[in-house]
Amino acid sequence: MKAPLTIKRSDGSAGFSVIELLIVMSIISVVSGFAFMQITRAHQVMVRENAARELASNLEKARVDSLRRHPTASAQMAQVVLINATFYSVADADGNGALDAPKV
């Protein structure tokens, strides 16, 4: 009984040729390359979206905490300060009502 993946040729030989195996391997490598690029791109998008959600959450927490505290000066308010394009600092990130040192 022959294995199910073998092919009986007219000249009596059985199996796959090297050309057929190379074609299959090249197709697999191209498809897996595209899949890897898509996974990497999706990971970058998720990281960026998570950072945007975190910034929006910190802004909302600072706004609510400042309203709850009823500050008379801006030094008493919870603050979110943009340092540069990739960093920002949050004063009173825990929201306990006491103004803490800024976290970057």
PDB file of N, CA and C in Angstrom:
ATOM      1  N   MET A   1       0.846  -1.167   0.000  1.00  0.00           N
ATOM      2  CA  MET A   1       0.000   0.000   0.000  1.00  0.00           C
ATOM      3  C   MET A   1       0.898   1.239   0.000  1.00  0.00           C
ATOM      4  N   LYS A   2       0.585   2.208  -0.871  1.00  0.00           N
ATOM      5  CA  LYS A   2       1.389   3.410  -0.987  1.00  0.00           C
ATOM      6  C   LYS A   2       0.855   4.484  -0.043  1.00  0.00           C
ATOM      7  N   ALA A   3       1.761   5.392   0.356  1.00  0.00           N
ATOM      8  CA  ALA A   3       1.348   6.529   1.187  1.00  0.00           C
ATOM      9  C   ALA A   3       0.426   7.432   0.371  1.00  0.00           C
ATOM     10  N   PRO A   4      -0.526   8.108   1.018  1.00  0.00           N
ATOM     11  CA  PRO A   4      -1.507   8.899   0.281  1.00  0.00           C
ATOM     12  C   PRO A   4      -0.908  10.119  -0.413  1.00  0.00           C
ATOM     13  N   LEU A   5       0.275  10.586  -0.028  1.00  0.00           N
ATOM     14  CA  LEU A   5       0.841  11.786  -0.639  1.00  0.00           C
ATOM     15  C   LEU A   5       1.755  11.482  -1.826  1.00  0.00           C
ATOM     16  N   THR A   6       1.913  10.242  -2.156  1.00  0.00           N
ATOM     17  CA  THR A   6       2.780   9.907  -3.280  1.00  0.00           C
ATOM     18  C   THR A   6       1.986   9.913  -4.565  1.00  0.00           C
ATOM     19  N   ILE A   7       2.681  10.220  -5.627  1.00  0.00           N
ATOM     20  CA  ILE A   7       2.053  10.291  -6.948  1.00  0.00           C
ATOM     21  C   ILE A   7       2.728   9.249  -7.840  1.00  0.00           C
ATOM     22  N   LYS A   8       1.957   8.430  -8.503  1.00  0.00           N
ATOM     23  CA  LYS A   8       2.492   7.412  -9.419  1.00  0.00           C
ATOM     24  C   LYS A   8       2.670   8.050 -10.780  1.00  0.00           C
ATOM     25  N   ARG A   9       3.876   8.104 -11.250  1.00  0.00           N
ATOM     26  CA  ARG A   9       4.183   8.704 -12.548  1.00  0.00           C
ATOM     27  C   ARG A   9       4.168   7.615 -13.628  1.00  0.00           C
ATOM     28  N   SER A  10       4.103   8.065 -14.862  1.00  0.00           N
ATOM     29  CA  SER A  10       4.034   7.122 -15.974  1.00  0.00           C
ATOM     30  C   SER A  10       5.344   6.362 -16.156  1.00  0.00           C
ATOM     31  N   ASP A  11       6.464   6.947 -15.695  1.00  0.00           N
ATOM     32  CA  ASP A  11       7.738   6.244 -15.850  1.00  0.00           C
ATOM     33  C   ASP A  11       8.019   5.293 -14.689  1.00  0.00           C
ATOM     34  N   GLY A  12       7.075   5.182 -13.763  1.00  0.00           N
ATOM     35  CA  GLY A  12       7.216   4.232 -12.672  1.00  0.00           C
ATOM     36  C   GLY A  12       7.746   4.842 -11.379  1.00  0.00           C
ATOM     37  N   SER A  13       8.203   6.095 -11.391  1.00  0.00           N
ATOM     38  CA  SER A  13       8.709   6.709 -10.167  1.00  0.00           C
ATOM     39  C   SER A  13       7.537   7.281  -9.360  1.00  0.00           C
ATOM     40  N   ALA A  14       7.710   7.356  -8.067  1.00  0.00           N
ATOM     41  CA  ALA A  14       6.657   7.875  -7.197  1.00  0.00           C
ATOM     42  C   ALA A  14       7.226   8.987  -6.334  1.00  0.00           C
ATOM     43  N   GLY A  15       6.374   9.973  -5.955  1.00  0.00           N
ATOM     44  CA  GLY A  15       6.804  11.055  -5.066  1.00  0.00           C
ATOM     45  C   GLY A  15       6.689  12.405  -5.735  1.00  0.00           C
ATOM     46  N   PHE A  16       7.266  13.387  -5.069  1.00  0.00           N
ATOM     47  CA  PHE A  16       7.239  14.764  -5.558  1.00  0.00           C
ATOM     48  C   PHE A  16       8.591  15.113  -6.154  1.00  0.00           C
ATOM     49  N   SER A  17       8.573  15.981  -7.136  1.00  0.00           N
ATOM     50  CA  SER A  17       9.838  16.426  -7.708  1.00  0.00           C
ATOM     51  C   SER A  17      10.375  17.599  -6.890  1.00  0.00           C
ATOM     52  N   VAL A  18      11.632  17.904  -7.058  1.00  0.00           N
ATOM     53  CA  VAL A  18      12.260  19.012  -6.337  1.00  0.00           C
ATOM     54  C   VAL A  18      11.615  20.324  -6.748  1.00  0.00           C
ATOM     55  N   ILE A  19      11.252  20.465  -7.993  1.00  0.00           N
ATOM     56  CA  ILE A  19      10.600  21.689  -8.482  1.00  0.00           C
ATOM     57  C   ILE A  19       9.266  21.898  -7.764  1.00  0.00           C
ATOM     58  N   GLU A  20       8.479  20.844  -7.627  1.00  0.00           N
ATOM     59  CA  GLU A  20       7.197  20.954  -6.940  1.00  0.00           C
ATOM     60  C   GLU A  20       7.392  21.355  -5.484  1.00  0.00           C
ATOM     61  N   LEU A  21       8.368  20.766  -4.820  1.00  0.00           N
ATOM     62  CA  LEU A  21       8.644  21.119  -3.431  1.00  0.00           C
ATOM     63  C   LEU A  21       9.119  22.566  -3.303  1.00  0.00           C
ATOM     64  N   LEU A  22       9.948  23.038  -4.230  1.00  0.00           N
ATOM     65  CA  LEU A  22      10.413  24.427  -4.194  1.00  0.00           C
ATOM     66  C   LEU A  22       9.265  25.406  -4.416  1.00  0.00           C
ATOM     67  N   ILE A  23       8.353  25.065  -5.304  1.00  0.00           N
ATOM     68  CA  ILE A  23       7.197  25.932  -5.543  1.00  0.00           C
ATOM     69  C   ILE A  23       6.335  26.026  -4.294  1.00  0.00           C
ATOM     70  N   VAL A  24       6.066  24.909  -3.670  1.00  0.00           N
ATOM     71  CA  VAL A  24       5.258  24.898  -2.448  1.00  0.00           C
ATOM     72  C   VAL A  24       5.957  25.676  -1.327  1.00  0.00           C
ATOM     73  N   MET A  25       7.268  25.483  -1.159  1.00  0.00           N
ATOM     74  CA  MET A  25       8.008  26.192  -0.121  1.00  0.00           C
ATOM     75  C   MET A  25       8.008  27.701  -0.372  1.00  0.00           C
ATOM     76  N   SER A  26       8.113  28.114  -1.635  1.00  0.00           N
ATOM     77  CA  SER A  26       8.106  29.552  -1.930  1.00  0.00           C
ATOM     78  C   SER A  26       6.729  30.151  -1.661  1.00  0.00           C
ATOM     79  N   ILE A  27       5.677  29.445  -1.974  1.00  0.00           N
ATOM     80  CA  ILE A  27       4.323  29.933  -1.692  1.00  0.00           C
ATOM     81  C   ILE A  27       4.115  30.056  -0.187  1.00  0.00           C
ATOM     82  N   ILE A  28       4.544  29.059   0.558  1.00  0.00           N
ATOM     83  CA  ILE A  28       4.408  29.096   2.019  1.00  0.00           C
ATOM     84  C   ILE A  28       5.196  30.265   2.602  1.00  0.00           C
ATOM     85  N   SER A  29       6.406  30.504   2.108  1.00  0.00           N
ATOM     86  CA  SER A  29       7.215  31.598   2.651  1.00  0.00           C
ATOM     87  C   SER A  29       6.608  32.960   2.326  1.00  0.00           C
ATOM     88  N   VAL A  30       6.038  33.143   1.143  1.00  0.00           N
ATOM     89  CA  VAL A  30       5.401  34.411   0.796  1.00  0.00           C
ATOM     90  C   VAL A  30       4.172  34.653   1.668  1.00  0.00           C
ATOM     91  N   VAL A  31       3.346  33.639   1.833  1.00  0.00           N
ATOM     92  CA  VAL A  31       2.134  33.789   2.649  1.00  0.00           C
ATOM     93  C   VAL A  31       2.499  34.053   4.114  1.00  0.00           C
ATOM     94  N   SER A  32       3.484  33.338   4.628  1.00  0.00           N
ATOM     95  CA  SER A  32       3.871  33.573   6.029  1.00  0.00           C
ATOM     96  C   SER A  32       4.532  34.937   6.198  1.00  0.00           C
ATOM     97  N   GLY A  33       5.230  35.435   5.194  1.00  0.00           N
ATOM     98  CA  GLY A  33       5.799  36.784   5.250  1.00  0.00           C
ATOM     99  C   GLY A  33       4.718  37.842   5.343  1.00  0.00           C
ATOM    100  N   PHE A  34       3.681  37.708   4.512  1.00  0.00           N
ATOM    101  CA  PHE A  34       2.561  38.643   4.588  1.00  0.00           C
ATOM    102  C   PHE A  34       1.860  38.558   5.943  1.00  0.00           C
ATOM    103  N   ALA A  35       1.683  37.370   6.463  1.00  0.00           N
ATOM    104  CA  ALA A  35       1.033  37.210   7.766  1.00  0.00           C
ATOM    105  C   ALA A  35       1.865  37.861   8.869  1.00  0.00           C
ATOM    106  N   PHE A  36       3.172  37.689   8.837  1.00  0.00           N
ATOM    107  CA  PHE A  36       4.044  38.297   9.847  1.00  0.00           C
ATOM    108  C   PHE A  36       3.974  39.816   9.784  1.00  0.00           C
ATOM    109  N   MET A  37       3.963  40.380   8.575  1.00  0.00           N
ATOM    110  CA  MET A  37       3.871  41.839   8.441  1.00  0.00           C
ATOM    111  C   MET A  37       2.545  42.360   8.980  1.00  0.00           C
ATOM    112  N   GLN A  38       1.463  41.646   8.738  1.00  0.00           N
ATOM    113  CA  GLN A  38       0.159  42.070   9.239  1.00  0.00           C
ATOM    114  C   GLN A  38       0.095  42.000  10.763  1.00  0.00           C
ATOM    115  N   ILE A  39       0.673  40.960  11.346  1.00  0.00           N
ATOM    116  CA  ILE A  39       0.680  40.824  12.808  1.00  0.00           C
ATOM    117  C   ILE A  39       1.500  41.943  13.427  1.00  0.00           C
ATOM    118  N   THR A  40       2.643  42.266  12.844  1.00  0.00           N
ATOM    119  CA  THR A  40       3.475  43.353  13.357  1.00  0.00           C
ATOM    120  C   THR A  40       2.750  44.685  13.264  1.00  0.00           C
ATOM    121  N   ARG A  41       2.105  44.935  12.148  1.00  0.00           N
ATOM    122  CA  ARG A  41       1.364  46.186  11.970  1.00  0.00           C
ATOM    123  C   ARG A  41       0.200  46.268  12.959  1.00  0.00           C
ATOM    124  N   ALA A  42      -0.507  45.170  13.172  1.00  0.00           N
ATOM    125  CA  ALA A  42      -1.618  45.168  14.120  1.00  0.00           C
ATOM    126  C   ALA A  42      -1.126  45.422  15.542  1.00  0.00           C
ATOM    127  N   HIS A  43       0.028  44.891  15.894  1.00  0.00           N
ATOM    128  CA  HIS A  43       0.596  45.122  17.227  1.00  0.00           C
ATOM    129  C   HIS A  43       0.932  46.599  17.416  1.00  0.00           C
ATOM    130  N   GLN A  44       1.511  47.235  16.400  1.00  0.00           N
ATOM    131  CA  GLN A  44       1.845  48.656  16.492  1.00  0.00           C
ATOM    132  C   GLN A  44       0.588  49.499  16.648  1.00  0.00           C
ATOM    133  N   VAL A  45      -0.452  49.156  15.933  1.00  0.00           N
ATOM    134  CA  VAL A  45      -1.716  49.897  16.031  1.00  0.00           C
ATOM    135  C   VAL A  45      -2.315  49.730  17.426  1.00  0.00           C
ATOM    136  N   MET A  46      -2.270  48.526  17.973  1.00  0.00           N
ATOM    137  CA  MET A  46      -2.824  48.297  19.314  1.00  0.00           C
ATOM    138  C   MET A  46      -2.052  49.075  20.372  1.00  0.00           C
ATOM    139  N   VAL A  47      -0.723  49.132  20.255  1.00  0.00           N
ATOM    140  CA  VAL A  47       0.085  49.886  21.216  1.00  0.00           C
ATOM    141  C   VAL A  47      -0.266  51.367  21.134  1.00  0.00           C
ATOM    142  N   ARG A  48      -0.406  51.887  19.921  1.00  0.00           N
ATOM    143  CA  ARG A  48      -0.746  53.303  19.733  1.00  0.00           C
ATOM    144  C   ARG A  48      -2.136  53.617  20.278  1.00  0.00           C
ATOM    145  N   GLU A  49      -3.103  52.753  20.020  1.00  0.00           N
ATOM    146  CA  GLU A  49      -4.455  52.971  20.524  1.00  0.00           C
ATOM    147  C   GLU A  49      -4.495  52.901  22.042  1.00  0.00           C
ATOM    148  N   ASN A  50      -3.722  51.995  22.634  1.00  0.00           N
ATOM    149  CA  ASN A  50      -3.674  51.884  24.077  1.00  0.00           C
ATOM    150  C   ASN A  50      -3.083  53.150  24.699  1.00  0.00           C
ATOM    151  N   ALA A  51      -2.034  53.694  24.094  1.00  0.00           N
ATOM    152  CA  ALA A  51      -1.439  54.928  24.610  1.00  0.00           C
ATOM    153  C   ALA A  51      -2.425  56.089  24.518  1.00  0.00           C
ATOM    154  N   ALA A  52      -3.189  56.156  23.435  1.00  0.00           N
ATOM    155  CA  ALA A  52      -4.182  57.222  23.285  1.00  0.00           C
ATOM    156  C   ALA A  52      -5.294  57.079  24.325  1.00  0.00           C
ATOM    157  N   ARG A  53      -5.733  55.843  24.578  1.00  0.00           N
ATOM    158  CA  ARG A  53      -6.757  55.617  25.608  1.00  0.00           C
ATOM    159  C   ARG A  53      -6.253  56.003  26.992  1.00  0.00           C
ATOM    160  N   GLU A  54      -4.994  55.666  27.272  1.00  0.00           N
ATOM    161  CA  GLU A  54      -4.420  55.987  28.573  1.00  0.00           C
ATOM    162  C   GLU A  54      -4.310  57.496  28.764  1.00  0.00           C
ATOM    163  N   LEU A  55      -3.894  58.217  27.730  1.00  0.00           N
ATOM    164  CA  LEU A  55      -3.818  59.675  27.821  1.00  0.00           C
ATOM    165  C   LEU A  55      -5.203  60.275  28.026  1.00  0.00           C
ATOM    166  N   ALA A  56      -6.187  59.797  27.281  1.00  0.00           N
ATOM    167  CA  ALA A  56      -7.553  60.303  27.443  1.00  0.00           C
ATOM    168  C   ALA A  56      -8.076  60.015  28.840  1.00  0.00           C
ATOM    169  N   SER A  57      -7.771  58.860  29.378  1.00  0.00           N
ATOM    170  CA  SER A  57      -8.194  58.512  30.731  1.00  0.00           C
ATOM    171  C   SER A  57      -7.537  59.422  31.763  1.00  0.00           C
ATOM    172  N   ASN A  58      -6.230  59.687  31.591  1.00  0.00           N
ATOM    173  CA  ASN A  58      -5.547  60.582  32.526  1.00  0.00           C
ATOM    174  C   ASN A  58      -6.090  62.001  32.448  1.00  0.00           C
ATOM    175  N   LEU A  59      -6.412  62.467  31.255  1.00  0.00           N
ATOM    176  CA  LEU A  59      -7.006  63.797  31.116  1.00  0.00           C
ATOM    177  C   LEU A  59      -8.358  63.872  31.821  1.00  0.00           C
ATOM    178  N   GLU A  60      -9.170  62.843  31.646  1.00  0.00           N
ATOM    179  CA  GLU A  60     -10.491  62.829  32.293  1.00  0.00           C
ATOM    180  C   GLU A  60     -10.361  62.755  33.809  1.00  0.00           C
ATOM    181  N   LYS A  61      -9.417  61.929  34.302  1.00  0.00           N
ATOM    182  CA  LYS A  61      -9.203  61.846  35.752  1.00  0.00           C
ATOM    183  C   LYS A  61      -8.759  63.182  36.320  1.00  0.00           C
ATOM    184  N   ALA A  62      -7.853  63.878  35.619  1.00  0.00           N
ATOM    185  CA  ALA A  62      -7.377  65.181  36.087  1.00  0.00           C
ATOM    186  C   ALA A  62      -8.515  66.194  36.101  1.00  0.00           C
ATOM    187  N   ARG A  63      -9.367  66.169  35.087  1.00  0.00           N
ATOM    188  CA  ARG A  63     -10.492  67.097  35.038  1.00  0.00           C
ATOM    189  C   ARG A  63     -11.464  66.850  36.181  1.00  0.00           C
ATOM    190  N   VAL A  64     -11.826  65.598  36.399  1.00  0.00           N
ATOM    191  CA  VAL A  64     -12.778  65.266  37.458  1.00  0.00           C
ATOM    192  C   VAL A  64     -12.182  65.560  38.831  1.00  0.00           C
ATOM    193  N   ASP A  65     -10.897  65.241  39.013  1.00  0.00           N
ATOM    194  CA  ASP A  65     -10.264  65.487  40.299  1.00  0.00           C
ATOM    195  C   ASP A  65     -10.159  66.978  40.583  1.00  0.00           C
ATOM    196  N   SER A  66      -9.872  67.777  39.559  1.00  0.00           N
ATOM    197  CA  SER A  66      -9.795  69.222  39.758  1.00  0.00           C
ATOM    198  C   SER A  66     -11.161  69.806  40.084  1.00  0.00           C
ATOM    199  N   LEU A  67     -12.200  69.297  39.468  1.00  0.00           N
ATOM    200  CA  LEU A  67     -13.549  69.771  39.788  1.00  0.00           C
ATOM    201  C   LEU A  67     -13.956  69.363  41.204  1.00  0.00           C
ATOM    202  N   ARG A  68     -13.586  68.178  41.610  1.00  0.00           N
ATOM    203  CA  ARG A  68     -13.939  67.687  42.945  1.00  0.00           C
ATOM    204  C   ARG A  68     -13.203  68.451  44.036  1.00  0.00           C
ATOM    205  N   ARG A  69     -11.971  68.858  43.764  1.00  0.00           N
ATOM    206  CA  ARG A  69     -11.135  69.518  44.757  1.00  0.00           C
ATOM    207  C   ARG A  69     -11.512  70.984  44.941  1.00  0.00           C
ATOM    208  N   HIS A  70     -12.194  71.621  43.995  1.00  0.00           N
ATOM    209  CA  HIS A  70     -12.550  73.047  44.014  1.00  0.00           C
ATOM    210  C   HIS A  70     -11.325  73.912  44.267  1.00  0.00           C
ATOM    211  N   PRO A  71     -10.349  73.888  43.362  1.00  0.00           N
ATOM    212  CA  PRO A  71      -9.112  74.644  43.589  1.00  0.00           C
ATOM    213  C   PRO A  71      -9.335  76.144  43.413  1.00  0.00           C
ATOM    214  N   THR A  72      -8.545  76.927  44.129  1.00  0.00           N
ATOM    215  CA  THR A  72      -8.587  78.378  43.975  1.00  0.00           C
ATOM    216  C   THR A  72      -7.419  78.869  43.131  1.00  0.00           C
ATOM    217  N   ALA A  73      -6.391  78.031  42.938  1.00  0.00           N
ATOM    218  CA  ALA A  73      -5.241  78.390  42.108  1.00  0.00           C
ATOM    219  C   ALA A  73      -4.894  77.200  41.215  1.00  0.00           C
ATOM    220  N   SER A  74      -4.206  77.467  40.117  1.00  0.00           N
ATOM    221  CA  SER A  74      -3.878  76.387  39.191  1.00  0.00           C
ATOM    222  C   SER A  74      -2.872  75.403  39.794  1.00  0.00           C
ATOM    223  N   ALA A  75      -2.107  75.820  40.812  1.00  0.00           N
ATOM    224  CA  ALA A  75      -1.157  74.914  41.456  1.00  0.00           C
ATOM    225  C   ALA A  75      -1.870  73.831  42.256  1.00  0.00           C
ATOM    226  N   GLN A  76      -3.127  74.045  42.593  1.00  0.00           N
ATOM    227  CA  GLN A  76      -3.887  73.065  43.369  1.00  0.00           C
ATOM    228  C   GLN A  76      -4.628  72.065  42.479  1.00  0.00           C
ATOM    229  N   MET A  77      -4.579  72.258  41.182  1.00  0.00           N
ATOM    230  CA  MET A  77      -5.305  71.391  40.252  1.00  0.00           C
ATOM    231  C   MET A  77      -4.467  70.171  39.872  1.00  0.00           C
ATOM    232  N   ALA A  78      -5.149  69.093  39.576  1.00  0.00           N
ATOM    233  CA  ALA A  78      -4.477  67.946  38.972  1.00  0.00           C
ATOM    234  C   ALA A  78      -4.072  68.367  37.564  1.00  0.00           C
ATOM    235  N   GLN A  79      -2.899  67.916  37.116  1.00  0.00           N
ATOM    236  CA  GLN A  79      -2.392  68.404  35.843  1.00  0.00           C
ATOM    237  C   GLN A  79      -1.880  67.267  34.974  1.00  0.00           C
ATOM    238  N   VAL A  80      -2.052  67.435  33.674  1.00  0.00           N
ATOM    239  CA  VAL A  80      -1.430  66.585  32.670  1.00  0.00           C
ATOM    240  C   VAL A  80      -0.625  67.529  31.786  1.00  0.00           C
ATOM    241  N   VAL A  81       0.706  67.362  31.801  1.00  0.00           N
ATOM    242  CA  VAL A  81       1.589  68.260  31.061  1.00  0.00           C
ATOM    243  C   VAL A  81       2.276  67.459  29.958  1.00  0.00           C
ATOM    244  N   LEU A  82       2.158  67.949  28.718  1.00  0.00           N
ATOM    245  CA  LEU A  82       2.833  67.307  27.597  1.00  0.00           C
ATOM    246  C   LEU A  82       4.292  67.752  27.593  1.00  0.00           C
ATOM    247  N   ILE A  83       5.221  66.795  27.728  1.00  0.00           N
ATOM    248  CA  ILE A  83       6.650  67.104  27.751  1.00  0.00           C
ATOM    249  C   ILE A  83       7.185  67.208  26.330  1.00  0.00           C
ATOM    250  N   ASN A  84       6.928  66.219  25.515  1.00  0.00           N
ATOM    251  CA  ASN A  84       7.291  66.241  24.098  1.00  0.00           C
ATOM    252  C   ASN A  84       6.333  65.304  23.362  1.00  0.00           C
ATOM    253  N   ALA A  85       6.707  64.886  22.173  1.00  0.00           N
ATOM    254  CA  ALA A  85       5.797  64.082  21.349  1.00  0.00           C
ATOM    255  C   ALA A  85       5.568  62.685  21.902  1.00  0.00           C
ATOM    256  N   THR A  86       6.438  62.211  22.784  1.00  0.00           N
ATOM    257  CA  THR A  86       6.289  60.839  23.274  1.00  0.00           C
ATOM    258  C   THR A  86       6.080  60.734  24.777  1.00  0.00           C
ATOM    259  N   PHE A  87       6.247  61.820  25.541  1.00  0.00           N
ATOM    260  CA  PHE A  87       6.123  61.746  26.996  1.00  0.00           C
ATOM    261  C   PHE A  87       5.186  62.829  27.525  1.00  0.00           C
ATOM    262  N   TYR A  88       4.506  62.506  28.610  1.00  0.00           N
ATOM    263  CA  TYR A  88       3.706  63.483  29.336  1.00  0.00           C
ATOM    264  C   TYR A  88       3.773  63.135  30.812  1.00  0.00           C
ATOM    265  N   SER A  89       3.498  64.121  31.666  1.00  0.00           N
ATOM    266  CA  SER A  89       3.514  63.859  33.101  1.00  0.00           C
ATOM    267  C   SER A  89       2.124  64.097  33.664  1.00  0.00           C
ATOM    268  N   VAL A  90       1.785  63.335  34.695  1.00  0.00           N
ATOM    269  CA  VAL A  90       0.478  63.403  35.326  1.00  0.00           C
ATOM    270  C   VAL A  90       0.684  63.686  36.805  1.00  0.00           C
ATOM    271  N   ALA A  91       0.095  64.773  37.287  1.00  0.00           N
ATOM    272  CA  ALA A  91       0.122  65.068  38.718  1.00  0.00           C
ATOM    273  C   ALA A  91      -1.187  64.567  39.307  1.00  0.00           C
ATOM    274  N   ASP A  92      -1.106  63.827  40.392  1.00  0.00           N
ATOM    275  CA  ASP A  92      -2.243  63.202  41.070  1.00  0.00           C
ATOM    276  C   ASP A  92      -2.902  62.149  40.191  1.00  0.00           C
ATOM    277  N   ALA A  93      -2.104  61.185  39.766  1.00  0.00           N
ATOM    278  CA  ALA A  93      -2.605  60.110  38.903  1.00  0.00           C
ATOM    279  C   ALA A  93      -3.474  59.123  39.663  1.00  0.00           C
ATOM    280  N   ASP A  94      -3.317  59.041  40.993  1.00  0.00           N
ATOM    281  CA  ASP A  94      -4.112  58.053  41.747  1.00  0.00           C
ATOM    282  C   ASP A  94      -5.495  58.561  42.085  1.00  0.00           C
ATOM    283  N   GLY A  95      -5.733  59.869  42.013  1.00  0.00           N
ATOM    284  CA  GLY A  95      -7.067  60.411  42.230  1.00  0.00           C
ATOM    285  C   GLY A  95      -7.549  60.344  43.661  1.00  0.00           C
ATOM    286  N   ASN A  96      -6.641  60.340  44.642  1.00  0.00           N
ATOM    287  CA  ASN A  96      -7.063  60.245  46.033  1.00  0.00           C
ATOM    288  C   ASN A  96      -7.405  61.592  46.645  1.00  0.00           C
ATOM    289  N   GLY A  97      -7.238  62.666  45.904  1.00  0.00           N
ATOM    290  CA  GLY A  97      -7.575  64.001  46.411  1.00  0.00           C
ATOM    291  C   GLY A  97      -6.380  64.777  46.879  1.00  0.00           C
ATOM    292  N   ALA A  98      -5.277  64.124  47.184  1.00  0.00           N
ATOM    293  CA  ALA A  98      -4.052  64.816  47.584  1.00  0.00           C
ATOM    294  C   ALA A  98      -3.163  64.945  46.349  1.00  0.00           C
ATOM    295  N   LEU A  99      -2.626  66.130  46.127  1.00  0.00           N
ATOM    296  CA  LEU A  99      -1.805  66.371  44.949  1.00  0.00           C
ATOM    297  C   LEU A  99      -0.458  65.701  45.128  1.00  0.00           C
ATOM    298  N   ASP A 100      -0.164  64.730  44.268  1.00  0.00           N
ATOM    299  CA  ASP A 100       1.075  63.959  44.346  1.00  0.00           C
ATOM    300  C   ASP A 100       2.113  64.535  43.399  1.00  0.00           C
ATOM    301  N   ALA A 101       3.325  64.025  43.512  1.00  0.00           N
ATOM    302  CA  ALA A 101       4.388  64.402  42.566  1.00  0.00           C
ATOM    303  C   ALA A 101       4.042  63.876  41.186  1.00  0.00           C
ATOM    304  N   PRO A 102       4.402  64.613  40.134  1.00  0.00           N
ATOM    305  CA  PRO A 102       4.086  64.162  38.771  1.00  0.00           C
ATOM    306  C   PRO A 102       4.757  62.852  38.405  1.00  0.00           C
ATOM    307  N   LYS A 103       4.048  62.021  37.661  1.00  0.00           N
ATOM    308  CA  LYS A 103       4.589  60.783  37.110  1.00  0.00           C
ATOM    309  C   LYS A 103       4.749  60.962  35.611  1.00  0.00           C
ATOM    310  N   VAL A 104       5.842  60.479  35.063  1.00  0.00           N
ATOM    311  CA  VAL A 104       6.082  60.592  33.626  1.00  0.00           C
ATOM    312  C   VAL A 104       5.775  59.260  32.974  1.00  0.00           C
TER     313      VAL A 104
END
